């Protein structure tokens, strides 16, 4: 697995910022990044914003491996 998260967090530290990470509580134990979204229109009946869990590193493109892939 790449070390892009650590590298970027070191660069962001001078701005008192870190990447938002999620820890998946199911069969895949790898921490990954979430892509945060914001709701454009608010109000009754409008769809809510969603979070997207990334399967690939957005910085280098390396795939975040599942537990089964790591064991192979």
PDB file of N, CA and C in Angstrom:
ATOM      1  N   UNK A   1       0.843  -1.177   0.000  1.00  0.00           N
ATOM      2  CA  UNK A   1       0.000   0.000   0.000  1.00  0.00           C
ATOM      3  C   UNK A   1       0.890   1.243   0.000  1.00  0.00           C
ATOM      4  N   UNK A   2       0.462   2.265  -0.683  1.00  0.00           N
ATOM      5  CA  UNK A   2       1.248   3.499  -0.792  1.00  0.00           C
ATOM      6  C   UNK A   2       1.257   4.252   0.547  1.00  0.00           C
ATOM      7  N   UNK A   3       2.123   5.229   0.661  1.00  0.00           N
ATOM      8  CA  UNK A   3       2.179   6.056   1.868  1.00  0.00           C
ATOM      9  C   UNK A   3       1.772   7.497   1.573  1.00  0.00           C
ATOM     10  N   UNK A   4       0.943   7.692   0.561  1.00  0.00           N
ATOM     11  CA  UNK A   4       0.514   9.037   0.156  1.00  0.00           C
ATOM     12  C   UNK A   4      -0.228   9.771   1.264  1.00  0.00           C
ATOM     13  N   UNK A   5      -1.060   9.059   2.031  1.00  0.00           N
ATOM     14  CA  UNK A   5      -1.821   9.710   3.095  1.00  0.00           C
ATOM     15  C   UNK A   5      -0.865  10.347   4.105  1.00  0.00           C
ATOM     16  N   UNK A   6       0.141   9.604   4.534  1.00  0.00           N
ATOM     17  CA  UNK A   6       1.112  10.136   5.488  1.00  0.00           C
ATOM     18  C   UNK A   6       1.889  11.310   4.897  1.00  0.00           C
ATOM     19  N   UNK A   7       2.282  11.178   3.639  1.00  0.00           N
ATOM     20  CA  UNK A   7       3.043  12.238   2.970  1.00  0.00           C
ATOM     21  C   UNK A   7       2.224  13.519   2.879  1.00  0.00           C
ATOM     22  N   UNK A   8       0.983  13.397   2.440  1.00  0.00           N
ATOM     23  CA  UNK A   8       0.129  14.586   2.294  1.00  0.00           C
ATOM     24  C   UNK A   8      -0.195  15.181   3.659  1.00  0.00           C
ATOM     25  N   UNK A   9      -0.447  14.338   4.660  1.00  0.00           N
ATOM     26  CA  UNK A   9      -0.727  14.860   5.999  1.00  0.00           C
ATOM     27  C   UNK A   9       0.458  15.646   6.561  1.00  0.00           C
ATOM     28  N   UNK A  10       1.680  15.200   6.269  1.00  0.00           N
ATOM     29  CA  UNK A  10       2.867  15.958   6.703  1.00  0.00           C
ATOM     30  C   UNK A  10       2.889  17.332   6.041  1.00  0.00           C
ATOM     31  N   UNK A  11       2.529  17.383   4.770  1.00  0.00           N
ATOM     32  CA  UNK A  11       2.505  18.658   4.058  1.00  0.00           C
ATOM     33  C   UNK A  11       1.372  19.563   4.556  1.00  0.00           C
ATOM     34  N   UNK A  12       0.256  18.963   4.941  1.00  0.00           N
ATOM     35  CA  UNK A  12      -0.890  19.736   5.416  1.00  0.00           C
ATOM     36  C   UNK A  12      -0.725  20.211   6.858  1.00  0.00           C
ATOM     37  N   UNK A  13       0.197  19.591   7.601  1.00  0.00           N
ATOM     38  CA  UNK A  13       0.371  19.912   9.020  1.00  0.00           C
ATOM     39  C   UNK A  13       0.670  21.393   9.243  1.00  0.00           C
ATOM     40  N   UNK A  14       1.410  22.009   8.348  1.00  0.00           N
ATOM     41  CA  UNK A  14       1.740  23.426   8.519  1.00  0.00           C
ATOM     42  C   UNK A  14       0.507  24.322   8.412  1.00  0.00           C
ATOM     43  N   UNK A  15      -0.580  23.780   7.882  1.00  0.00           N
ATOM     44  CA  UNK A  15      -1.844  24.521   7.783  1.00  0.00           C
ATOM     45  C   UNK A  15      -2.890  23.978   8.759  1.00  0.00           C
ATOM     46  N   UNK A  16      -2.406  23.198   9.779  1.00  0.00           N
ATOM     47  CA  UNK A  16      -3.277  22.656  10.804  1.00  0.00           C
ATOM     48  C   UNK A  16      -4.431  21.854  10.191  1.00  0.00           C
ATOM     49  N   UNK A  17      -4.100  21.003   9.227  1.00  0.00           N
ATOM     50  CA  UNK A  17      -5.097  20.257   8.466  1.00  0.00           C
ATOM     51  C   UNK A  17      -4.622  18.819   8.276  1.00  0.00           C
ATOM     52  N   UNK A  18      -5.565  17.880   8.245  1.00  0.00           N
ATOM     53  CA  UNK A  18      -5.276  16.488   7.900  1.00  0.00           C
ATOM     54  C   UNK A  18      -6.362  15.986   6.961  1.00  0.00           C
ATOM     55  N   UNK A  19      -6.042  14.929   6.229  1.00  0.00           N
ATOM     56  CA  UNK A  19      -7.036  14.291   5.376  1.00  0.00           C
ATOM     57  C   UNK A  19      -8.060  13.563   6.235  1.00  0.00           C
ATOM     58  N   UNK A  20      -9.286  13.545   5.800  1.00  0.00           N
ATOM     59  CA  UNK A  20     -10.345  12.836   6.503  1.00  0.00           C
ATOM     60  C   UNK A  20     -10.297  11.365   6.104  1.00  0.00           C
ATOM     61  N   UNK A  21     -10.073  10.483   7.093  1.00  0.00           N
ATOM     62  CA  UNK A  21      -9.982   9.055   6.828  1.00  0.00           C
ATOM     63  C   UNK A  21     -11.133   8.333   7.495  1.00  0.00           C
ATOM     64  N   UNK A  22     -11.509   7.214   6.897  1.00  0.00           N
ATOM     65  CA  UNK A  22     -12.531   6.355   7.479  1.00  0.00           C
ATOM     66  C   UNK A  22     -11.908   5.004   7.760  1.00  0.00           C
ATOM     67  N   UNK A  23     -12.343   4.384   8.830  1.00  0.00           N
ATOM     68  CA  UNK A  23     -11.934   3.018   9.113  1.00  0.00           C
ATOM     69  C   UNK A  23     -13.147   2.156   8.856  1.00  0.00           C
ATOM     70  N   UNK A  24     -13.020   1.238   7.920  1.00  0.00           N
ATOM     71  CA  UNK A  24     -14.137   0.392   7.539  1.00  0.00           C
ATOM     72  C   UNK A  24     -14.318  -0.705   8.570  1.00  0.00           C
ATOM     73  N   UNK A  25     -15.514  -0.852   9.088  1.00  0.00           N
ATOM     74  CA  UNK A  25     -15.792  -1.823  10.136  1.00  0.00           C
ATOM     75  C   UNK A  25     -16.469  -3.070   9.571  1.00  0.00           C
ATOM     76  N   UNK A  26     -15.967  -3.576   8.469  1.00  0.00           N
ATOM     77  CA  UNK A  26     -16.485  -4.809   7.891  1.00  0.00           C
ATOM     78  C   UNK A  26     -15.309  -5.661   7.469  1.00  0.00           C
ATOM     79  N   UNK A  27     -15.462  -6.520   6.508  1.00  0.00           N
ATOM     80  CA  UNK A  27     -14.416  -7.478   6.157  1.00  0.00           C
ATOM     81  C   UNK A  27     -13.110  -6.833   5.694  1.00  0.00           C
ATOM     82  N   UNK A  28     -13.129  -5.594   5.265  1.00  0.00           N
ATOM     83  CA  UNK A  28     -11.924  -4.924   4.783  1.00  0.00           C
ATOM     84  C   UNK A  28     -11.410  -3.989   5.871  1.00  0.00           C
ATOM     85  N   UNK A  29     -10.326  -4.326   6.565  1.00  0.00           N
ATOM     86  CA  UNK A  29      -9.863  -3.537   7.694  1.00  0.00           C
ATOM     87  C   UNK A  29      -9.023  -2.321   7.318  1.00  0.00           C
ATOM     88  N   UNK A  30      -8.775  -2.085   6.036  1.00  0.00           N
ATOM     89  CA  UNK A  30      -7.882  -1.000   5.636  1.00  0.00           C
ATOM     90  C   UNK A  30      -8.524   0.371   5.837  1.00  0.00           C
ATOM     91  N   UNK A  31      -7.786   1.289   6.482  1.00  0.00           N
ATOM     92  CA  UNK A  31      -8.296   2.653   6.531  1.00  0.00           C
ATOM     93  C   UNK A  31      -8.205   3.262   5.137  1.00  0.00           C
ATOM     94  N   UNK A  32      -9.161   4.014   4.768  1.00  0.00           N
ATOM     95  CA  UNK A  32      -9.155   4.632   3.453  1.00  0.00           C
ATOM     96  C   UNK A  32      -9.647   6.054   3.534  1.00  0.00           C
ATOM     97  N   UNK A  33      -9.605   6.719   2.434  1.00  0.00           N
ATOM     98  CA  UNK A  33     -10.074   8.093   2.390  1.00  0.00           C
ATOM     99  C   UNK A  33     -11.530   8.140   1.972  1.00  0.00           C
ATOM    100  N   UNK A  34     -12.214   9.139   2.476  1.00  0.00           N
ATOM    101  CA  UNK A  34     -13.568   9.406   2.023  1.00  0.00           C
ATOM    102  C   UNK A  34     -13.535  10.713   1.256  1.00  0.00           C
ATOM    103  N   UNK A  35     -14.360  10.799   0.254  1.00  0.00           N
ATOM    104  CA  UNK A  35     -14.503  12.029  -0.497  1.00  0.00           C
ATOM    105  C   UNK A  35     -15.761  12.704   0.014  1.00  0.00           C
ATOM    106  N   UNK A  36     -15.593  13.814   0.671  1.00  0.00           N
ATOM    107  CA  UNK A  36     -16.714  14.528   1.276  1.00  0.00           C
ATOM    108  C   UNK A  36     -17.463  15.312   0.202  1.00  0.00           C
ATOM    109  N   UNK A  37     -18.772  15.289   0.294  1.00  0.00           N
ATOM    110  CA  UNK A  37     -19.594  16.049  -0.635  1.00  0.00           C
ATOM    111  C   UNK A  37     -20.486  17.006   0.158  1.00  0.00           C
ATOM    112  N   UNK A  38     -21.020  17.986  -0.501  1.00  0.00           N
ATOM    113  CA  UNK A  38     -21.927  18.929   0.137  1.00  0.00           C
ATOM    114  C   UNK A  38     -23.238  18.968  -0.630  1.00  0.00           C
ATOM    115  N   UNK A  39     -24.308  19.120   0.103  1.00  0.00           N
ATOM    116  CA  UNK A  39     -25.633  19.192  -0.489  1.00  0.00           C
ATOM    117  C   UNK A  39     -25.801  20.553  -1.158  1.00  0.00           C
ATOM    118  N   UNK A  40     -26.237  20.560  -2.412  1.00  0.00           N
ATOM    119  CA  UNK A  40     -26.387  21.810  -3.160  1.00  0.00           C
ATOM    120  C   UNK A  40     -27.694  22.500  -2.776  1.00  0.00           C
ATOM    121  N   UNK A  41     -28.782  21.798  -2.916  1.00  0.00           N
ATOM    122  CA  UNK A  41     -30.082  22.367  -2.574  1.00  0.00           C
ATOM    123  C   UNK A  41     -30.588  21.718  -1.293  1.00  0.00           C
ATOM    124  N   UNK A  42     -31.101  22.534  -0.393  1.00  0.00           N
ATOM    125  CA  UNK A  42     -31.639  21.992   0.846  1.00  0.00           C
ATOM    126  C   UNK A  42     -33.153  22.141   0.829  1.00  0.00           C
ATOM    127  N   UNK A  43     -33.785  21.418   1.700  1.00  0.00           N
ATOM    128  CA  UNK A  43     -35.232  21.535   1.809  1.00  0.00           C
ATOM    129  C   UNK A  43     -35.900  20.175   1.762  1.00  0.00           C
ATOM    130  N   UNK A  44     -37.148  20.198   2.026  1.00  0.00           N
ATOM    131  CA  UNK A  44     -37.942  18.968   2.083  1.00  0.00           C
ATOM    132  C   UNK A  44     -37.957  18.263   0.733  1.00  0.00           C
ATOM    133  N   UNK A  45     -37.674  16.972   0.754  1.00  0.00           N
ATOM    134  CA  UNK A  45     -37.712  16.168  -0.458  1.00  0.00           C
ATOM    135  C   UNK A  45     -36.445  16.206  -1.293  1.00  0.00           C
ATOM    136  N   UNK A  46     -35.469  16.999  -0.900  1.00  0.00           N
ATOM    137  CA  UNK A  46     -34.205  17.057  -1.645  1.00  0.00           C
ATOM    138  C   UNK A  46     -33.292  15.930  -1.181  1.00  0.00           C
ATOM    139  N   UNK A  47     -32.615  15.257  -2.103  1.00  0.00           N
ATOM    140  CA  UNK A  47     -31.687  14.191  -1.700  1.00  0.00           C
ATOM    141  C   UNK A  47     -30.577  14.742  -0.808  1.00  0.00           C
ATOM    142  N   UNK A  48     -30.156  13.941   0.156  1.00  0.00           N
ATOM    143  CA  UNK A  48     -29.078  14.328   1.071  1.00  0.00           C
ATOM    144  C   UNK A  48     -27.724  14.064   0.431  1.00  0.00           C
ATOM    145  N   UNK A  49     -26.724  14.788   0.892  1.00  0.00           N
ATOM    146  CA  UNK A  49     -25.356  14.580   0.417  1.00  0.00           C
ATOM    147  C   UNK A  49     -24.877  13.204   0.867  1.00  0.00           C
ATOM    148  N   UNK A  50     -23.997  12.620   0.096  1.00  0.00           N
ATOM    149  CA  UNK A  50     -23.444  11.301   0.412  1.00  0.00           C
ATOM    150  C   UNK A  50     -21.926  11.417   0.546  1.00  0.00           C
ATOM    151  N   UNK A  51     -21.327  10.448   1.197  1.00  0.00           N
ATOM    152  CA  UNK A  51     -19.869  10.338   1.240  1.00  0.00           C
ATOM    153  C   UNK A  51     -19.469   9.192   0.339  1.00  0.00           C
ATOM    154  N   UNK A  52     -18.349   9.337  -0.312  1.00  0.00           N
ATOM    155  CA  UNK A  52     -17.856   8.289  -1.196  1.00  0.00           C
ATOM    156  C   UNK A  52     -16.570   7.730  -0.606  1.00  0.00           C
ATOM    157  N   UNK A  53     -16.493   6.401  -0.513  1.00  0.00           N
ATOM    158  CA  UNK A  53     -15.302   5.725  -0.032  1.00  0.00           C
ATOM    159  C   UNK A  53     -14.453   5.351  -1.238  1.00  0.00           C
ATOM    160  N   UNK A  54     -13.214   5.771  -1.238  1.00  0.00           N
ATOM    161  CA  UNK A  54     -12.346   5.588  -2.398  1.00  0.00           C
ATOM    162  C   UNK A  54     -11.693   4.206  -2.396  1.00  0.00           C
ATOM    163  N   UNK A  55     -11.642   3.568  -3.561  1.00  0.00           N
ATOM    164  CA  UNK A  55     -10.989   2.275  -3.728  1.00  0.00           C
ATOM    165  C   UNK A  55      -9.554   2.419  -4.229  1.00  0.00           C
ATOM    166  N   UNK A  56      -9.216   3.602  -4.705  1.00  0.00           N
ATOM    167  CA  UNK A  56      -7.882   3.886  -5.225  1.00  0.00           C
ATOM    168  C   UNK A  56      -7.358   5.158  -4.580  1.00  0.00           C
ATOM    169  N   UNK A  57      -6.057   5.239  -4.399  1.00  0.00           N
ATOM    170  CA  UNK A  57      -5.435   6.443  -3.858  1.00  0.00           C
ATOM    171  C   UNK A  57      -5.648   7.583  -4.850  1.00  0.00           C
ATOM    172  N   UNK A  58      -6.202   8.715  -4.416  1.00  0.00           N
ATOM    173  CA  UNK A  58      -6.433   9.817  -5.340  1.00  0.00           C
ATOM    174  C   UNK A  58      -5.151  10.553  -5.729  1.00  0.00           C
ATOM    175  N   UNK A  59      -4.034  10.244  -5.071  1.00  0.00           N
ATOM    176  CA  UNK A  59      -2.783  10.934  -5.341  1.00  0.00           C
ATOM    177  C   UNK A  59      -1.884  10.170  -6.304  1.00  0.00           C
ATOM    178  N   UNK A  60      -1.788   8.835  -6.117  1.00  0.00           N
ATOM    179  CA  UNK A  60      -0.904   8.058  -6.990  1.00  0.00           C
ATOM    180  C   UNK A  60      -1.651   7.038  -7.836  1.00  0.00           C
ATOM    181  N   UNK A  61      -2.920   6.762  -7.511  1.00  0.00           N
ATOM    182  CA  UNK A  61      -3.721   5.837  -8.295  1.00  0.00           C
ATOM    183  C   UNK A  61      -3.603   4.382  -7.885  1.00  0.00           C
ATOM    184  N   UNK A  62      -2.813   4.087  -6.845  1.00  0.00           N
ATOM    185  CA  UNK A  62      -2.666   2.697  -6.400  1.00  0.00           C
ATOM    186  C   UNK A  62      -3.953   2.217  -5.741  1.00  0.00           C
ATOM    187  N   UNK A  63      -4.297   0.950  -6.005  1.00  0.00           N
ATOM    188  CA  UNK A  63      -5.524   0.372  -5.465  1.00  0.00           C
ATOM    189  C   UNK A  63      -5.347   0.089  -3.981  1.00  0.00           C
ATOM    190  N   UNK A  64      -6.370   0.421  -3.181  1.00  0.00           N
ATOM    191  CA  UNK A  64      -6.397   0.009  -1.784  1.00  0.00           C
ATOM    192  C   UNK A  64      -6.813  -1.457  -1.783  1.00  0.00           C
ATOM    193  N   UNK A  65      -5.960  -2.331  -1.303  1.00  0.00           N
ATOM    194  CA  UNK A  65      -6.191  -3.770  -1.381  1.00  0.00           C
ATOM    195  C   UNK A  65      -7.113  -4.257  -0.276  1.00  0.00           C
ATOM    196  N   UNK A  66      -7.939  -5.233  -0.608  1.00  0.00           N
ATOM    197  CA  UNK A  66      -8.795  -5.872   0.387  1.00  0.00           C
ATOM    198  C   UNK A  66      -7.973  -6.874   1.177  1.00  0.00           C
ATOM    199  N   UNK A  67      -8.554  -7.402   2.246  1.00  0.00           N
ATOM    200  CA  UNK A  67      -7.862  -8.388   3.070  1.00  0.00           C
ATOM    201  C   UNK A  67      -7.477  -9.616   2.270  1.00  0.00           C
ATOM    202  N   UNK A  68      -8.378 -10.060   1.389  1.00  0.00           N
ATOM    203  CA  UNK A  68      -8.103 -11.227   0.555  1.00  0.00           C
ATOM    204  C   UNK A  68      -6.943 -10.960  -0.411  1.00  0.00           C
ATOM    205  N   UNK A  69      -6.885  -9.789  -0.979  1.00  0.00           N
ATOM    206  CA  UNK A  69      -5.803  -9.448  -1.908  1.00  0.00           C
ATOM    207  C   UNK A  69      -4.466  -9.351  -1.186  1.00  0.00           C
ATOM    208  N   UNK A  70      -4.469  -8.862   0.048  1.00  0.00           N
ATOM    209  CA  UNK A  70      -3.227  -8.761   0.824  1.00  0.00           C
ATOM    210  C   UNK A  70      -2.706 -10.133   1.207  1.00  0.00           C
ATOM    211  N   UNK A  71      -3.618 -11.092   1.452  1.00  0.00           N
ATOM    212  CA  UNK A  71      -3.223 -12.437   1.857  1.00  0.00           C
ATOM    213  C   UNK A  71      -2.620 -13.223   0.693  1.00  0.00           C
ATOM    214  N   UNK A  72      -2.975 -12.856  -0.517  1.00  0.00           N
ATOM    215  CA  UNK A  72      -2.493 -13.601  -1.713  1.00  0.00           C
ATOM    216  C   UNK A  72      -1.047 -13.288  -2.032  1.00  0.00           C
TER     217      UNK A  72
END
